[in-house]
Amino acid sequence: MCRLTVLFLVVQACLLVPVVAEFPKPKDDVYDYIVVGSGPGGGPLASNLARADHSVLLIEAGDDQSANHNSQIAALAGSAYTDPTLRWDFFAHNYDNETRLLQHNYLVWRRPDSSFYVGREPPAGSTPLGTYYPRGKTLGGSSTVNALAAVLPSDSDWQHVVDLTGDDSWR
């Protein structure tokens, strides 16, 4: 029997409102595993643990956008990438050195009117944010905004885990 509980933390009016999916909780309210994030790593991990008869609490900060066509069709990845219901806007700083950061061709700036500018010569009064790095905020995590793609590790990566853990089951 799969024992998987999914907890969505839905942001509504600046409050975190827990929404628990309809799955049985353990009798003692203690979970064997808590997995944070339902993306390409967390979702399969939680599923496999539950199938192995462990009780699992899967926490997802986004909501369920499975009815949103942008989350279902890989060919709409460009739309998913720009759909505010599917993403959080993060900005990465690729360089610690501010002089080098300001030379980045894809640096995003917030203009005084709160719109964005991308490039090396922003309008006066703009604030540098970093390189745009949207993350998925729905079931499926960032694979939802990345054309539903997941990248599998190479055999040498798995071998490295085997060497670190001494556990051949990672192959």
Protein backbone atom coordinates (compact mmCIF):
# COMPACT_ATOMS: atom_id res chain seq x y z
CA MET A 1 0.00 0.00 0.00
CA CYS A 2 1.41 3.42 -0.92
CA ARG A 3 1.57 5.77 2.02
CA LEU A 4 2.17 9.16 0.45
CA THR A 5 0.83 12.44 1.75
CA VAL A 6 1.22 15.53 -0.43
CA LEU A 7 1.20 18.88 1.34
CA PHE A 8 0.81 21.95 -0.87
CA LEU A 9 1.82 25.26 0.63
CA VAL A 10 -0.32 27.62 -1.39
CA VAL A 11 0.46 31.31 -1.12
CA GLN A 12 -2.78 33.24 -0.75
CA ALA A 13 -2.86 36.84 0.42
CA CYS A 14 0.70 36.52 1.78
CA LEU A 15 -0.28 33.58 4.01
CA LEU A 16 0.93 30.02 3.70
CA VAL A 17 -2.18 27.87 3.67
CA PRO A 18 -1.54 24.12 3.90
CA VAL A 19 -3.67 21.96 1.63
CA VAL A 20 -3.29 18.23 2.21
CA ALA A 21 -4.16 15.82 -0.59
CA GLU A 22 -6.54 12.94 0.12
CA PHE A 23 -4.05 10.30 1.22
CA PRO A 24 -3.97 8.50 4.58
CA LYS A 25 -1.60 9.89 7.19
CA PRO A 26 0.38 7.52 9.38
CA LYS A 27 -1.49 6.55 12.55
CA ASP A 28 1.14 8.10 14.78
CA ASP A 29 1.57 11.26 12.63
CA VAL A 30 5.24 10.39 12.20
CA TYR A 31 6.60 10.01 8.67
CA ASP A 32 9.50 7.81 7.67
CA TYR A 33 10.60 10.42 5.12
CA ILE A 34 9.85 14.06 4.36
CA VAL A 35 10.63 15.10 0.78
CA VAL A 36 10.67 18.79 -0.14
CA GLY A 37 9.74 19.60 -3.73
CA SER A 38 7.81 17.57 -6.30
CA GLY A 39 10.12 18.24 -9.24
CA PRO A 40 12.16 15.71 -11.22
CA GLY A 41 14.08 14.74 -8.08
CA GLY A 42 11.56 14.93 -5.26
CA GLY A 43 8.48 13.54 -7.02
CA PRO A 44 10.00 10.23 -8.13
CA LEU A 45 11.89 9.88 -4.84
CA ALA A 46 8.68 10.28 -2.81
CA SER A 47 6.81 7.91 -5.10
CA ASN A 48 9.49 5.20 -4.92
CA LEU A 49 9.71 5.47 -1.13
CA ALA A 50 5.93 5.16 -0.81
CA ARG A 51 5.89 2.16 -3.16
CA ALA A 52 8.49 0.56 -0.90
CA ASP A 53 5.89 0.92 1.91
CA HIS A 54 7.48 3.88 3.70
CA SER A 55 5.27 6.69 4.94
CA VAL A 56 6.23 9.85 3.05
CA LEU A 57 5.27 13.49 3.41
CA LEU A 58 5.87 15.32 0.12
CA ILE A 59 5.89 19.09 0.56
CA GLU A 60 5.32 21.28 -2.50
CA ALA A 61 5.30 25.06 -2.15
CA GLY A 62 3.47 25.57 -5.43
CA ASP A 63 -0.03 24.48 -6.30
CA ASP A 64 -1.55 21.95 -8.70
CA GLN A 65 -1.56 23.44 -12.20
CA SER A 66 -2.24 20.15 -13.98
CA ALA A 67 -5.31 21.65 -15.71
CA ASN A 68 -3.15 24.45 -17.17
CA HIS A 69 -2.36 23.58 -20.82
CA ASN A 70 1.03 25.28 -20.50
CA SER A 71 2.03 22.62 -17.96
CA GLN A 72 0.87 19.67 -20.06
CA ILE A 73 2.30 20.21 -23.54
CA ALA A 74 6.08 20.30 -23.97
CA ALA A 75 5.72 22.28 -27.21
CA LEU A 76 4.30 25.13 -25.10
CA ALA A 77 7.49 25.42 -23.05
CA GLY A 78 7.90 29.05 -24.11
CA SER A 79 4.45 29.80 -22.73
CA ALA A 80 5.10 27.83 -19.55
CA TYR A 81 8.34 29.76 -19.02
CA THR A 82 6.44 33.04 -19.08
CA ASP A 83 3.24 31.89 -17.31
CA PRO A 84 3.22 33.53 -13.85
CA THR A 85 1.00 30.74 -12.46
CA LEU A 86 3.78 28.21 -13.18
CA ARG A 87 6.92 30.02 -12.10
CA TRP A 88 8.75 31.94 -9.45
CA ASP A 89 11.08 34.64 -10.70
CA PHE A 90 14.59 34.14 -9.39
CA PHE A 91 17.71 35.98 -10.47
CA ALA A 92 21.16 34.40 -10.23
CA HIS A 93 24.39 36.27 -9.64
CA ASN A 94 26.94 34.48 -11.81
CA TYR A 95 29.86 36.53 -10.54
CA ASP A 96 30.88 37.73 -7.08
CA ASN A 97 32.78 40.55 -8.73
CA GLU A 98 30.27 43.38 -9.40
CA THR A 99 32.37 44.79 -12.26
CA ARG A 100 32.23 41.40 -14.01
CA LEU A 101 28.53 41.00 -13.22
CA LEU A 102 27.73 44.33 -14.88
CA GLN A 103 29.42 43.10 -18.10
CA HIS A 104 26.97 40.20 -18.44
CA ASN A 105 24.91 40.54 -21.65
CA TYR A 106 21.82 38.96 -20.08
CA LEU A 107 21.80 40.86 -16.81
CA VAL A 108 18.23 41.78 -15.84
CA TRP A 109 17.51 45.18 -14.34
CA ARG A 110 14.40 46.51 -12.63
CA ARG A 111 13.54 49.89 -14.13
CA PRO A 112 12.17 52.69 -11.93
CA ASP A 113 8.65 51.90 -13.31
CA SER A 114 9.11 48.24 -12.09
CA SER A 115 9.39 46.81 -15.62
CA PHE A 116 12.48 44.81 -16.62
CA TYR A 117 15.38 45.65 -18.90
CA VAL A 118 17.86 43.05 -20.17
CA GLY A 119 21.31 44.11 -21.29
CA ARG A 120 24.37 46.10 -20.37
CA GLU A 121 23.11 49.67 -20.71
CA PRO A 122 20.00 50.06 -18.54
CA PRO A 123 17.97 53.24 -18.19
CA ALA A 124 19.04 55.61 -15.41
CA GLY A 125 17.81 54.62 -11.97
CA SER A 126 17.59 50.88 -12.76
CA THR A 127 18.64 48.27 -10.22
CA PRO A 128 20.55 45.11 -11.24
CA LEU A 129 18.75 41.86 -10.33
CA GLY A 130 20.92 39.16 -11.93
CA THR A 131 20.44 36.57 -14.66
CA TYR A 132 16.80 35.50 -15.00
CA TYR A 133 16.40 32.00 -13.59
CA PRO A 134 12.70 31.08 -13.26
CA ARG A 135 11.81 28.04 -11.15
CA GLY A 136 8.65 25.98 -11.35
CA LYS A 137 5.99 26.52 -8.69
CA THR A 138 3.67 23.61 -9.34
CA LEU A 139 3.62 19.84 -9.27
CA GLY A 140 6.54 18.77 -11.40
CA GLY A 141 8.69 21.65 -10.23
CA SER A 142 11.03 23.31 -12.67
CA SER A 143 10.58 20.59 -15.29
CA THR A 144 7.26 22.32 -15.94
CA VAL A 145 9.00 25.47 -17.17
CA ASN A 146 11.91 23.59 -18.78
CA ALA A 147 9.97 21.83 -21.59
CA LEU A 148 9.10 18.99 -19.18
CA ALA A 149 12.69 17.81 -19.53
CA ALA A 150 14.85 16.11 -16.95
CA VAL A 151 18.55 15.38 -17.37
CA LEU A 152 19.79 12.01 -16.15
CA PRO A 153 23.23 11.66 -14.60
CA SER A 154 25.98 9.97 -16.57
CA ASP A 155 27.17 6.48 -15.67
CA SER A 156 30.32 7.99 -14.15
CA ASP A 157 28.16 10.11 -11.80
CA TRP A 158 26.36 6.99 -10.59
CA GLN A 159 29.69 5.22 -10.19
CA HIS A 160 30.90 8.13 -8.05
CA VAL A 161 27.89 7.64 -5.75
CA VAL A 162 28.64 3.90 -5.58
CA ASP A 163 32.25 4.68 -4.67
CA LEU A 164 31.17 7.17 -1.98
CA THR A 165 28.52 4.96 -0.40
CA GLY A 166 29.80 1.46 -1.11
CA ASP A 167 26.27 0.66 -2.31
CA ASP A 168 26.13 -1.04 -5.74
CA SER A 169 22.36 -0.48 -6.02
CA TRP A 170 23.07 3.05 -7.34
CA ARG A 171 24.24 1.61 -10.67
